[in-house]
Protein backbone atom coordinates (compact mmCIF):
# COMPACT_ATOMS: atom_id res chain seq x y z
CA MET A 1 121.94 95.89 94.10
CA SER A 2 120.87 93.43 96.92
CA LYS A 3 118.04 90.79 96.66
CA HIS A 4 116.19 89.70 99.88
CA SER A 5 113.58 87.08 100.39
CA TYR A 6 112.41 85.62 103.59
CA PRO A 7 114.05 82.16 104.31
CA ILE A 8 111.75 79.12 105.16
CA GLY A 9 113.20 78.87 108.59
CA THR A 10 111.77 82.25 109.64
CA LEU A 11 108.27 81.22 108.26
CA VAL A 12 108.00 77.81 109.77
CA ALA A 13 106.29 79.11 112.79
CA ASP A 14 103.74 80.92 110.77
CA TYR A 15 103.06 77.71 108.67
CA MET A 16 102.56 75.89 111.75
CA ARG A 17 100.07 78.34 113.13
CA ALA A 18 98.12 78.14 109.86
CA ALA A 19 98.22 74.37 110.03
CA CYS A 20 97.00 74.48 113.52
CA GLY A 21 94.11 76.75 112.75
CA ILE A 22 93.05 74.72 109.81
CA PHE A 23 93.40 71.03 110.56
CA PRO A 24 91.60 70.84 114.16
CA PRO A 25 88.42 72.58 112.89
CA LEU A 26 88.50 70.65 109.69
CA ALA A 27 88.75 67.25 111.79
CA LEU A 28 85.83 68.43 114.09
CA MET A 29 83.65 69.15 110.82
CA ILE A 30 84.47 65.85 109.20
CA PHE A 31 84.35 63.48 112.31
CA THR A 32 81.61 65.04 114.30
CA GLU A 33 78.19 66.19 113.83
CA LEU A 34 78.33 69.88 114.68
CA LEU A 35 75.39 72.23 115.26
CA PRO A 36 75.16 74.75 112.47
CA LEU A 37 76.45 77.64 114.63
CA PHE A 38 79.60 75.67 115.42
CA PHE A 39 79.85 74.54 111.80
CA TYR A 40 79.84 78.03 110.68
CA CYS A 41 82.26 79.21 113.39
CA MET A 42 84.68 76.29 112.31
CA THR A 43 84.29 77.31 108.58
CA ALA A 44 85.41 80.90 109.62
CA LEU A 45 88.33 79.55 111.49
CA ILE A 46 89.41 77.49 108.39
CA LEU A 47 89.06 80.44 106.05
CA LEU A 48 90.90 82.76 108.36
CA PHE A 49 93.79 80.55 109.01
CA GLY A 50 93.78 79.59 105.21
CA ILE A 51 94.21 83.03 104.19
CA TYR A 52 97.16 83.46 106.86
CA GLY A 53 98.77 80.32 105.28
CA ILE A 54 98.35 81.91 101.66
CA ARG A 55 99.74 85.10 103.09
CA THR A 56 102.83 83.23 104.57
CA ALA A 57 103.37 81.32 101.31
CA TRP A 58 103.17 84.92 99.57
CA ARG A 59 105.82 86.09 101.78
CA GLN A 60 108.05 83.16 101.11
CA CYS A 61 107.85 83.73 97.32
CA THR A 62 108.13 87.43 97.27
CA ALA A 63 111.63 89.04 96.63
CA LEU A 64 112.65 92.55 97.70
CA ILE A 65 115.33 94.14 95.56
CA VAL A 66 117.17 97.27 96.83
CA ASP A 67 119.58 99.30 94.76
CA ARG A 68 120.65 102.79 94.44
CA ASP A 69 117.38 103.77 92.61
CA GLY A 70 114.89 102.36 95.08
CA VAL A 71 113.06 99.17 96.25
CA ARG A 72 111.29 96.67 94.21
CA GLN A 73 108.75 93.96 95.49
CA GLU A 74 108.38 91.16 93.13
CA GLY A 75 105.74 88.49 93.91
CA PRO A 76 104.94 85.15 92.42
CA LEU A 77 102.14 86.27 90.15
CA GLY A 78 104.67 88.08 87.70
CA GLY A 79 103.90 91.72 88.06
CA VAL A 80 100.10 91.52 89.30
CA LEU A 81 100.78 92.79 92.76
CA ASP A 82 104.41 93.88 92.32
CA ARG A 83 105.36 97.30 93.94
CA SER A 84 108.22 99.55 93.35
CA LEU A 85 109.46 102.75 95.00
CA ARG A 86 112.03 105.04 93.74
CA TRP A 87 114.10 106.73 96.45
CA SER A 88 113.24 110.01 94.88
CA GLU A 89 109.43 109.33 95.37
CA MET A 90 109.70 108.28 98.76
CA ARG A 91 107.37 110.60 100.94
CA ASP A 92 107.21 108.64 104.27
CA PHE A 93 108.58 105.71 106.16
CA ARG A 94 107.54 104.17 109.53
CA LEU A 95 109.67 101.80 111.60
CA ARG A 96 107.72 100.07 114.27
CA TYR A 97 108.49 97.77 117.00
CA TYR A 98 106.01 95.19 117.98
CA SER A 99 106.98 93.46 121.37
CA THR A 100 105.76 89.97 122.33
CA ARG A 101 106.64 90.26 125.84
CA ARG A 102 105.62 92.94 128.67
CA ASP A 103 109.23 93.89 129.39
CA GLY A 104 109.62 94.96 125.64
CA LYS A 105 112.17 92.21 125.03
CA GLY A 106 111.34 89.60 122.14
CA GLY A 107 109.46 91.08 119.31
CA TRP A 108 110.09 92.27 115.78
CA MET A 109 110.38 95.37 113.69
CA GLN A 110 108.33 96.26 110.77
CA LEU A 111 109.45 98.92 108.02
CA VAL A 112 106.72 100.50 105.91
CA LEU A 113 107.68 102.73 102.89
CA ARG A 114 105.30 104.93 100.99
CA GLY A 115 105.63 106.96 97.83
CA ASP A 116 103.96 109.84 96.12
CA ASP A 117 101.63 107.68 94.21
CA LYS A 118 98.72 105.91 95.80
CA ARG A 119 99.55 102.30 94.66
CA GLY A 120 100.11 101.13 98.30
CA SER A 121 103.16 100.65 100.44
CA ILE A 122 106.13 98.19 100.63
CA GLN A 123 106.15 96.46 103.86
CA MET A 124 109.00 94.23 105.49
CA ASP A 125 109.84 92.96 108.84
CA SER A 126 113.07 92.25 110.77
CA ASN A 127 112.94 88.50 109.96
CA LEU A 128 114.14 89.56 106.41
CA PRO A 129 117.75 88.80 106.17
CA GLY A 130 119.52 92.23 105.52
CA PHE A 131 116.77 94.06 107.12
CA ASN A 132 119.08 96.44 109.18
CA ASP A 133 120.99 97.35 106.01
CA ILE A 134 117.72 98.21 104.19
CA VAL A 135 116.71 100.33 107.21
CA ALA A 136 120.06 102.05 107.15
CA GLN A 137 119.70 103.03 103.36
CA VAL A 138 116.05 104.25 104.11
CA HIS A 139 117.46 106.33 106.90
CA ALA A 140 120.09 107.71 104.71
CA VAL A 141 117.68 108.75 102.05
CA ALA A 142 115.25 110.23 104.62
CA LYS A 143 118.10 112.43 106.15
CA GLU A 144 119.33 113.58 102.66
CA ARG A 145 115.80 114.40 101.53
CA GLY A 146 114.46 115.92 104.73
CA LEU A 147 111.70 113.55 105.04
CA PRO A 148 109.46 113.91 108.27
CA VAL A 149 110.15 111.06 110.89
CA ASP A 150 107.78 110.46 113.44
CA PRO A 151 108.99 110.04 117.07
CA ALA A 152 108.49 106.23 117.35
CA SER A 153 110.39 105.69 114.14
CA ALA A 154 113.16 107.93 115.57
CA THR A 155 113.19 106.02 118.71
CA ASN A 156 113.53 102.62 116.80
CA LEU A 157 116.15 104.00 114.50
CA SER A 158 118.29 104.84 117.48
CA HIS A 159 117.75 101.40 119.11
CA LEU A 160 119.27 99.86 115.52
CA GLY A 161 122.31 102.39 116.26
CA LEU A 162 121.33 104.89 113.54
CA ASP A 163 122.00 108.52 114.25
CA THR A 164 118.69 110.57 114.50
CA ASP A 165 120.44 113.92 114.45
CA GLY A 166 119.53 115.75 111.31
CA LEU A 167 116.26 114.14 110.93
CA ASN A 168 113.17 116.19 110.18
CA MET A 169 111.17 115.70 113.43
CA PRO A 170 107.73 117.16 113.26
CA SER A 171 106.56 119.39 116.20
CA ALA A 172 103.87 117.82 118.42
CA ASP A 173 101.25 120.03 116.95
CA THR A 174 101.87 118.72 113.31
CA THR A 175 100.66 115.28 111.91
CA LEU A 176 102.34 113.20 109.44
CA PRO A 177 100.60 112.16 106.27
CA SER A 178 99.10 108.61 106.61
């Protein structure tokens, strides 16, 4: 069993973005007299970046527990939004790469796991310590169970050094469940 959580060092940039999106509009609202349209725009920015800051704090407080039975996501509200996925119930996974530069360098990966039930998905990104180990375990389960793997996920698996031979690659005329 391994327990993973996002360290504060990987989330500092997100906290800074949230602060930069909240405090300048708030200062404008407090220290200047804005036209109603600009006031509403500033309020919308504060709400948007406030939600982003709350989401970042949520990620910091959430733990992912991976064991031989599956994955559990445990959040700070004590079970309200927790999710779990048994390996035997996993029906789909997606491994996506999001580039921050035109040349494809610099960016992050996101792993999305879906199960048989409709309770939602478990998502994690490559800033999570042990991400590559989790992807390797998901890859092994997908191979063992013969789960379909989309071409983008297969490409990203190969970039992580994982063998894509033996994966169930759907043909071009079939679509994966969403």
